[in-house]
């Protein structure tokens, strides 16, 4: 038997190595609460319920005060982005004959120019811009 004091040559001192993992690291925040103790978020259903209770308890809230229940945003000031109906890339051009948007001239020459009748309306229906005749 080998005594606890004697070590074989090349053996690693596990007691000294354990200090590496168990010492207090300076980069950790000592004031951080333990995980699982405090919740960091509330589900949307709970937030809405809490807000409704708050609004019912207050009687002097103005009608135009923004809340989670009455979220309304004005229209955007930025222009709408247009995308190619074939590839989904940003569209730079629009075919005047059928209204299809396309990315570059190659798409037009290879795909849109040789498209059979009626297929263009199917592409337009994907973005809700097709013509419906009654």
N, C-alpha and C. Protein backbone atom coordinates (compact mmCIF):
# COMPACT_ATOMS: atom_id res chain seq x y z
N UNK A 1 0.81 -1.19 0.00
CA UNK A 1 0.00 0.00 0.00
C UNK A 1 0.85 1.25 0.00
N UNK A 2 0.37 2.25 -0.72
CA UNK A 2 1.09 3.52 -0.78
C UNK A 2 0.48 4.44 0.24
N UNK A 3 1.33 5.11 1.01
CA UNK A 3 0.79 6.03 2.02
C UNK A 3 0.23 7.26 1.34
N UNK A 4 -0.60 8.00 2.08
CA UNK A 4 -1.25 9.18 1.50
C UNK A 4 -0.26 10.31 1.27
N UNK A 5 0.87 10.30 1.97
CA UNK A 5 1.85 11.35 1.82
C UNK A 5 2.75 11.12 0.61
N UNK A 6 3.03 9.89 0.29
CA UNK A 6 3.95 9.59 -0.79
C UNK A 6 3.17 9.54 -2.11
N UNK A 7 3.79 10.08 -3.16
CA UNK A 7 3.15 10.08 -4.46
C UNK A 7 4.07 9.43 -5.47
N UNK A 8 3.44 8.81 -6.42
CA UNK A 8 4.21 8.20 -7.49
C UNK A 8 4.74 9.30 -8.40
N UNK A 9 5.90 9.05 -9.05
CA UNK A 9 6.41 10.07 -9.96
C UNK A 9 5.43 10.31 -11.12
N UNK A 10 5.18 11.57 -11.46
CA UNK A 10 4.28 11.93 -12.55
C UNK A 10 2.82 12.01 -12.13
N UNK A 11 2.52 11.74 -10.86
CA UNK A 11 1.13 11.81 -10.39
C UNK A 11 0.73 13.27 -10.17
N UNK A 12 -0.53 13.55 -10.31
CA UNK A 12 -1.06 14.91 -10.15
C UNK A 12 -1.63 15.04 -8.75
N UNK A 13 -1.31 16.14 -8.10
CA UNK A 13 -1.85 16.41 -6.77
C UNK A 13 -3.27 16.94 -6.92
N UNK A 14 -4.27 16.10 -6.65
CA UNK A 14 -5.66 16.49 -6.83
C UNK A 14 -6.11 17.53 -5.82
N UNK A 15 -5.51 17.52 -4.64
CA UNK A 15 -5.89 18.52 -3.63
C UNK A 15 -5.53 19.92 -4.11
N UNK A 16 -4.36 20.07 -4.71
CA UNK A 16 -3.94 21.38 -5.21
C UNK A 16 -4.78 21.79 -6.42
N UNK A 17 -5.16 20.81 -7.25
CA UNK A 17 -5.97 21.12 -8.43
C UNK A 17 -7.40 21.54 -8.05
N UNK A 18 -7.92 21.05 -6.94
CA UNK A 18 -9.29 21.38 -6.56
C UNK A 18 -9.43 22.84 -6.18
N UNK A 19 -8.33 23.49 -5.75
CA UNK A 19 -8.40 24.90 -5.42
C UNK A 19 -8.69 25.76 -6.63
N UNK A 20 -8.34 25.29 -7.82
CA UNK A 20 -8.58 26.05 -9.04
C UNK A 20 -10.08 26.21 -9.27
N UNK A 21 -10.83 25.15 -9.03
CA UNK A 21 -12.26 25.17 -9.32
C UNK A 21 -13.10 25.73 -8.19
N UNK A 22 -12.60 25.68 -6.96
CA UNK A 22 -13.43 26.07 -5.83
C UNK A 22 -13.15 27.47 -5.31
N UNK A 23 -12.12 28.15 -5.79
CA UNK A 23 -11.85 29.48 -5.27
C UNK A 23 -12.84 30.48 -5.86
N UNK A 24 -13.01 31.61 -5.20
CA UNK A 24 -13.92 32.65 -5.64
C UNK A 24 -13.26 33.39 -6.80
N UNK A 25 -13.96 33.49 -7.91
CA UNK A 25 -13.42 34.18 -9.08
C UNK A 25 -13.81 35.64 -9.03
N UNK A 26 -12.91 36.50 -9.45
CA UNK A 26 -13.16 37.93 -9.37
C UNK A 26 -14.14 38.41 -10.44
N UNK A 27 -14.33 37.65 -11.51
CA UNK A 27 -15.21 38.10 -12.58
C UNK A 27 -16.68 37.79 -12.31
N UNK A 28 -16.97 36.99 -11.29
CA UNK A 28 -18.36 36.68 -10.96
C UNK A 28 -18.93 37.75 -10.05
N UNK A 29 -20.19 38.08 -10.26
CA UNK A 29 -20.88 39.07 -9.46
C UNK A 29 -21.34 38.42 -8.16
N UNK A 30 -20.82 38.86 -7.01
CA UNK A 30 -21.22 38.23 -5.74
C UNK A 30 -22.65 38.57 -5.34
N UNK A 31 -23.23 39.64 -5.89
CA UNK A 31 -24.58 40.07 -5.52
C UNK A 31 -25.66 39.45 -6.39
N UNK A 32 -25.28 38.64 -7.34
CA UNK A 32 -26.26 38.04 -8.25
C UNK A 32 -27.11 37.02 -7.49
N UNK A 33 -28.44 37.07 -7.68
CA UNK A 33 -29.28 36.09 -6.98
C UNK A 33 -29.06 34.70 -7.55
N UNK A 34 -29.30 33.69 -6.76
CA UNK A 34 -29.09 32.33 -7.24
C UNK A 34 -30.08 31.99 -8.36
N UNK A 35 -29.66 31.16 -9.33
CA UNK A 35 -30.56 30.83 -10.43
C UNK A 35 -31.77 30.06 -9.93
N UNK A 36 -32.91 30.36 -10.52
CA UNK A 36 -34.14 29.69 -10.15
C UNK A 36 -34.85 30.36 -8.98
N UNK A 37 -34.19 31.27 -8.29
CA UNK A 37 -34.79 31.93 -7.15
C UNK A 37 -35.75 33.03 -7.56
N UNK A 38 -35.33 33.88 -8.46
CA UNK A 38 -36.16 34.99 -8.90
C UNK A 38 -36.38 34.90 -10.40
N UNK A 39 -37.61 35.11 -10.81
CA UNK A 39 -37.93 35.05 -12.22
C UNK A 39 -37.53 36.36 -12.90
N UNK A 40 -37.00 36.29 -14.09
CA UNK A 40 -36.57 37.48 -14.80
C UNK A 40 -37.63 38.01 -15.75
N UNK A 41 -38.64 37.25 -16.04
CA UNK A 41 -39.64 37.67 -17.00
C UNK A 41 -41.02 37.27 -16.52
N UNK A 42 -42.03 37.90 -17.12
CA UNK A 42 -43.41 37.51 -16.87
C UNK A 42 -44.01 37.10 -18.19
N UNK A 43 -44.84 36.11 -18.20
CA UNK A 43 -45.54 35.77 -19.44
C UNK A 43 -46.48 36.90 -19.84
N UNK A 44 -46.80 36.99 -21.13
CA UNK A 44 -47.65 38.07 -21.64
C UNK A 44 -49.02 38.04 -20.97
N UNK A 45 -49.56 36.87 -20.72
CA UNK A 45 -50.87 36.76 -20.09
C UNK A 45 -50.85 37.39 -18.69
N UNK A 46 -49.77 37.17 -17.96
CA UNK A 46 -49.67 37.72 -16.61
C UNK A 46 -49.49 39.24 -16.68
N UNK A 47 -48.71 39.74 -17.63
CA UNK A 47 -48.52 41.18 -17.77
C UNK A 47 -49.83 41.87 -18.10
N UNK A 48 -50.62 41.27 -19.01
CA UNK A 48 -51.90 41.86 -19.37
C UNK A 48 -52.86 41.85 -18.17
N UNK A 49 -52.87 40.76 -17.43
CA UNK A 49 -53.73 40.68 -16.25
C UNK A 49 -53.35 41.71 -15.21
N UNK A 50 -52.04 41.87 -14.96
CA UNK A 50 -51.58 42.86 -13.99
C UNK A 50 -51.94 44.27 -14.43
N UNK A 51 -51.83 44.53 -15.73
CA UNK A 51 -52.14 45.87 -16.22
C UNK A 51 -53.63 46.17 -16.14
N UNK A 52 -54.45 45.18 -16.43
CA UNK A 52 -55.90 45.40 -16.33
C UNK A 52 -56.29 45.69 -14.89
N UNK A 53 -55.70 44.97 -13.93
CA UNK A 53 -55.97 45.24 -12.52
C UNK A 53 -55.52 46.65 -12.15
N UNK A 54 -54.37 47.06 -12.65
CA UNK A 54 -53.86 48.41 -12.36
C UNK A 54 -54.77 49.47 -12.94
N UNK A 55 -55.20 49.28 -14.18
CA UNK A 55 -56.06 50.28 -14.82
C UNK A 55 -57.42 50.37 -14.13
N UNK A 56 -57.93 49.25 -13.62
CA UNK A 56 -59.20 49.27 -12.92
C UNK A 56 -59.09 49.96 -11.57
N UNK A 57 -57.90 49.91 -10.96
CA UNK A 57 -57.73 50.54 -9.66
C UNK A 57 -57.54 52.06 -9.78
N UNK A 58 -57.09 52.54 -10.92
CA UNK A 58 -56.88 53.97 -11.12
C UNK A 58 -58.06 54.55 -11.87
N UNK A 59 -58.55 55.69 -11.42
CA UNK A 59 -59.71 56.29 -12.08
C UNK A 59 -59.35 57.52 -12.91
N UNK A 60 -58.17 58.10 -12.71
CA UNK A 60 -57.82 59.33 -13.39
C UNK A 60 -56.79 59.12 -14.51
N UNK A 61 -56.86 58.02 -15.22
CA UNK A 61 -55.94 57.75 -16.33
C UNK A 61 -56.54 58.34 -17.60
N UNK A 62 -55.72 59.08 -18.35
CA UNK A 62 -56.19 59.70 -19.59
C UNK A 62 -56.48 58.63 -20.64
N UNK A 63 -57.35 58.94 -21.57
CA UNK A 63 -57.76 57.96 -22.58
C UNK A 63 -56.65 57.66 -23.58
N UNK A 64 -55.70 58.59 -23.77
CA UNK A 64 -54.64 58.36 -24.75
C UNK A 64 -53.36 57.82 -24.13
N UNK A 65 -53.41 57.34 -22.89
CA UNK A 65 -52.25 56.75 -22.25
C UNK A 65 -51.97 55.39 -22.89
N UNK A 66 -50.76 55.17 -23.41
CA UNK A 66 -50.47 53.87 -24.04
C UNK A 66 -50.37 52.76 -23.00
N UNK A 67 -51.00 51.65 -23.28
CA UNK A 67 -50.95 50.49 -22.41
C UNK A 67 -50.72 49.26 -23.27
N UNK A 68 -50.50 48.12 -22.62
CA UNK A 68 -50.33 46.88 -23.39
C UNK A 68 -51.63 46.47 -24.06
N UNK A 69 -52.75 46.81 -23.44
CA UNK A 69 -54.05 46.42 -23.97
C UNK A 69 -54.40 47.27 -25.19
N UNK A 70 -54.07 48.54 -25.17
CA UNK A 70 -54.47 49.45 -26.25
C UNK A 70 -53.26 49.93 -27.04
N UNK A 71 -52.48 49.02 -27.52
CA UNK A 71 -51.31 49.41 -28.29
C UNK A 71 -51.76 49.78 -29.70
N UNK A 72 -51.47 50.99 -30.09
CA UNK A 72 -51.78 51.45 -31.45
C UNK A 72 -50.61 52.29 -31.92
N UNK A 73 -50.12 51.99 -33.10
CA UNK A 73 -48.97 52.71 -33.63
C UNK A 73 -49.39 53.46 -34.88
N UNK A 74 -48.84 54.64 -35.10
CA UNK A 74 -49.15 55.35 -36.34
C UNK A 74 -48.48 54.67 -37.52
N UNK A 75 -48.88 54.99 -38.73
CA UNK A 75 -48.24 54.38 -39.89
C UNK A 75 -46.76 54.75 -39.96
N UNK A 76 -45.97 53.86 -40.53
CA UNK A 76 -44.54 54.08 -40.61
C UNK A 76 -44.21 55.21 -41.57
N UNK A 77 -43.17 55.96 -41.25
CA UNK A 77 -42.72 57.03 -42.13
C UNK A 77 -41.77 56.52 -43.21
N UNK A 78 -41.23 55.33 -42.99
CA UNK A 78 -40.32 54.75 -43.98
C UNK A 78 -41.12 54.13 -45.12
N UNK A 79 -40.61 54.20 -46.34
CA UNK A 79 -41.33 53.56 -47.45
C UNK A 79 -41.32 52.04 -47.32
N UNK A 80 -42.35 51.41 -47.85
CA UNK A 80 -42.46 49.95 -47.78
C UNK A 80 -41.38 49.32 -48.64
N UNK A 81 -40.84 48.20 -48.17
CA UNK A 81 -39.83 47.48 -48.94
C UNK A 81 -40.52 46.55 -49.92
N UNK A 82 -39.96 46.44 -51.11
CA UNK A 82 -40.52 45.56 -52.13
C UNK A 82 -39.52 44.44 -52.40
N UNK A 83 -40.06 43.23 -52.56
CA UNK A 83 -39.21 42.06 -52.78
C UNK A 83 -39.60 41.39 -54.08
N UNK A 84 -38.62 40.71 -54.67
CA UNK A 84 -38.81 40.00 -55.93
C UNK A 84 -39.83 38.88 -55.73
N UNK A 85 -40.79 38.79 -56.66
CA UNK A 85 -41.81 37.74 -56.56
C UNK A 85 -41.24 36.37 -56.88
N UNK A 86 -40.13 36.29 -57.56
CA UNK A 86 -39.55 35.01 -57.96
C UNK A 86 -38.52 34.54 -56.93
N UNK A 87 -37.57 35.40 -56.57
CA UNK A 87 -36.45 34.98 -55.72
C UNK A 87 -36.58 35.39 -54.26
N UNK A 88 -37.33 36.44 -53.96
CA UNK A 88 -37.44 36.94 -52.59
C UNK A 88 -36.36 37.94 -52.23
N UNK A 89 -35.49 38.28 -53.17
CA UNK A 89 -34.47 39.28 -52.94
C UNK A 89 -35.10 40.67 -53.08
N UNK A 90 -34.41 41.71 -52.61
CA UNK A 90 -34.98 43.06 -52.76
C UNK A 90 -35.21 43.39 -54.25
N UNK A 91 -36.42 43.85 -54.56
CA UNK A 91 -36.79 44.10 -55.95
C UNK A 91 -36.37 45.51 -56.36
N UNK A 92 -35.71 45.58 -57.49
CA UNK A 92 -35.30 46.88 -58.02
C UNK A 92 -36.19 47.31 -59.18
N UNK A 93 -36.87 46.35 -59.81
CA UNK A 93 -37.64 46.64 -61.01
C UNK A 93 -39.04 46.06 -60.90
N UNK A 94 -39.94 46.59 -61.76
CA UNK A 94 -41.32 46.09 -61.81
C UNK A 94 -41.72 45.99 -63.27
N UNK A 95 -42.29 44.85 -63.64
CA UNK A 95 -42.76 44.64 -65.00
C UNK A 95 -44.05 45.42 -65.19
N UNK A 96 -44.10 46.36 -66.14
CA UNK A 96 -45.31 47.17 -66.30
C UNK A 96 -46.50 46.39 -66.88
N UNK A 97 -46.24 45.31 -67.61
CA UNK A 97 -47.35 44.59 -68.24
C UNK A 97 -48.14 43.74 -67.24
N UNK A 98 -47.48 43.13 -66.26
CA UNK A 98 -48.22 42.28 -65.34
C UNK A 98 -48.02 42.65 -63.87
N UNK A 99 -47.15 43.58 -63.56
CA UNK A 99 -46.96 44.04 -62.19
C UNK A 99 -46.04 43.19 -61.35
N UNK A 100 -45.37 42.19 -61.93
CA UNK A 100 -44.43 41.37 -61.17
C UNK A 100 -43.18 42.17 -60.85
N UNK A 101 -42.71 42.04 -59.64
CA UNK A 101 -41.46 42.69 -59.25
C UNK A 101 -40.33 41.68 -59.43
N UNK A 102 -39.17 42.15 -59.86
CA UNK A 102 -38.04 41.24 -60.05
C UNK A 102 -36.75 41.90 -59.63
N UNK A 103 -35.75 41.06 -59.33
CA UNK A 103 -34.49 41.49 -58.75
C UNK A 103 -33.56 42.12 -59.79
N UNK A 104 -33.36 41.44 -60.92
CA UNK A 104 -32.46 41.97 -61.94
C UNK A 104 -32.94 41.56 -63.32
N UNK A 105 -32.23 42.00 -64.34
CA UNK A 105 -32.62 41.76 -65.73
C UNK A 105 -32.56 40.28 -66.08
N UNK A 106 -31.65 39.55 -65.47
CA UNK A 106 -31.52 38.12 -65.74
C UNK A 106 -32.80 37.38 -65.35
N UNK A 107 -33.39 37.73 -64.23
CA UNK A 107 -34.65 37.10 -63.81
C UNK A 107 -35.74 37.41 -64.83
N UNK A 108 -35.76 38.64 -65.31
CA UNK A 108 -36.77 39.02 -66.29
C UNK A 108 -36.60 38.22 -67.58
N UNK A 109 -35.38 38.17 -68.09
CA UNK A 109 -35.14 37.51 -69.38
C UNK A 109 -35.34 36.00 -69.30
N UNK A 110 -34.96 35.38 -68.17
CA UNK A 110 -35.01 33.93 -68.07
C UNK A 110 -36.36 33.41 -67.57
N UNK A 111 -37.03 34.16 -66.71
CA UNK A 111 -38.22 33.62 -66.07
C UNK A 111 -39.49 34.36 -66.50
N UNK A 112 -39.53 35.66 -66.26
CA UNK A 112 -40.77 36.41 -66.45
C UNK A 112 -41.15 36.53 -67.92
N UNK A 113 -40.17 36.71 -68.79
CA UNK A 113 -40.45 36.89 -70.22
C UNK A 113 -41.06 35.62 -70.83
N UNK A 114 -40.65 34.45 -70.36
CA UNK A 114 -41.11 33.18 -70.91
C UNK A 114 -42.20 32.54 -70.07
N UNK A 115 -42.84 33.30 -69.21
CA UNK A 115 -43.86 32.77 -68.31
C UNK A 115 -45.18 32.56 -69.07
N UNK A 116 -45.80 31.38 -68.94
CA UNK A 116 -47.09 31.17 -69.61
C UNK A 116 -48.19 32.03 -69.00
N UNK A 117 -49.26 32.29 -69.76
CA UNK A 117 -50.33 33.14 -69.23
C UNK A 117 -50.99 32.51 -68.00
N UNK A 118 -51.32 33.34 -67.03
CA UNK A 118 -51.96 32.88 -65.81
C UNK A 118 -51.00 32.60 -64.67
N UNK A 119 -49.75 32.29 -64.96
CA UNK A 119 -48.78 32.00 -63.91
C UNK A 119 -48.41 33.29 -63.17
N UNK A 120 -48.40 34.41 -63.91
CA UNK A 120 -48.09 35.68 -63.26
C UNK A 120 -49.14 36.04 -62.21
N UNK A 121 -50.39 35.71 -62.48
CA UNK A 121 -51.45 35.98 -61.50
C UNK A 121 -51.29 35.10 -60.26
N UNK A 122 -50.75 33.91 -60.43
CA UNK A 122 -50.51 33.04 -59.27
C UNK A 122 -49.39 33.62 -58.40
N UNK A 123 -48.35 34.14 -59.03
CA UNK A 123 -47.28 34.79 -58.26
C UNK A 123 -47.82 36.02 -57.55
N UNK A 124 -48.66 36.80 -58.24
CA UNK A 124 -49.23 38.00 -57.62
C UNK A 124 -50.18 37.63 -56.47
N UNK A 125 -50.85 36.50 -56.58
CA UNK A 125 -51.77 36.10 -55.51
C UNK A 125 -51.02 35.75 -54.23
N UNK A 126 -49.75 35.37 -54.33
CA UNK A 126 -48.96 35.06 -53.14
C UNK A 126 -48.76 36.30 -52.27
N UNK A 127 -48.69 37.47 -52.89
CA UNK A 127 -48.57 38.69 -52.09
C UNK A 127 -49.85 39.50 -52.05
N UNK A 128 -50.95 38.92 -52.57
CA UNK A 128 -52.26 39.56 -52.48
C UNK A 128 -52.45 40.69 -53.44
N UNK A 129 -51.77 40.67 -54.58
CA UNK A 129 -51.88 41.75 -55.56
C UNK A 129 -52.48 41.26 -56.88
N UNK A 130 -53.11 40.10 -56.87
CA UNK A 130 -53.66 39.56 -58.12
C UNK A 130 -54.98 40.25 -58.47
N UNK A 131 -55.33 40.16 -59.76
CA UNK A 131 -56.57 40.74 -60.25
C UNK A 131 -57.62 39.64 -60.24
N UNK A 132 -58.74 39.89 -59.57
CA UNK A 132 -59.81 38.92 -59.51
C UNK A 132 -60.96 39.47 -60.34
N UNK A 133 -61.29 38.75 -61.42
CA UNK A 133 -62.40 39.16 -62.28
C UNK A 133 -63.67 38.43 -61.87
N UNK A 134 -64.78 39.17 -61.83
CA UNK A 134 -66.05 38.54 -61.44
C UNK A 134 -66.96 38.40 -62.62
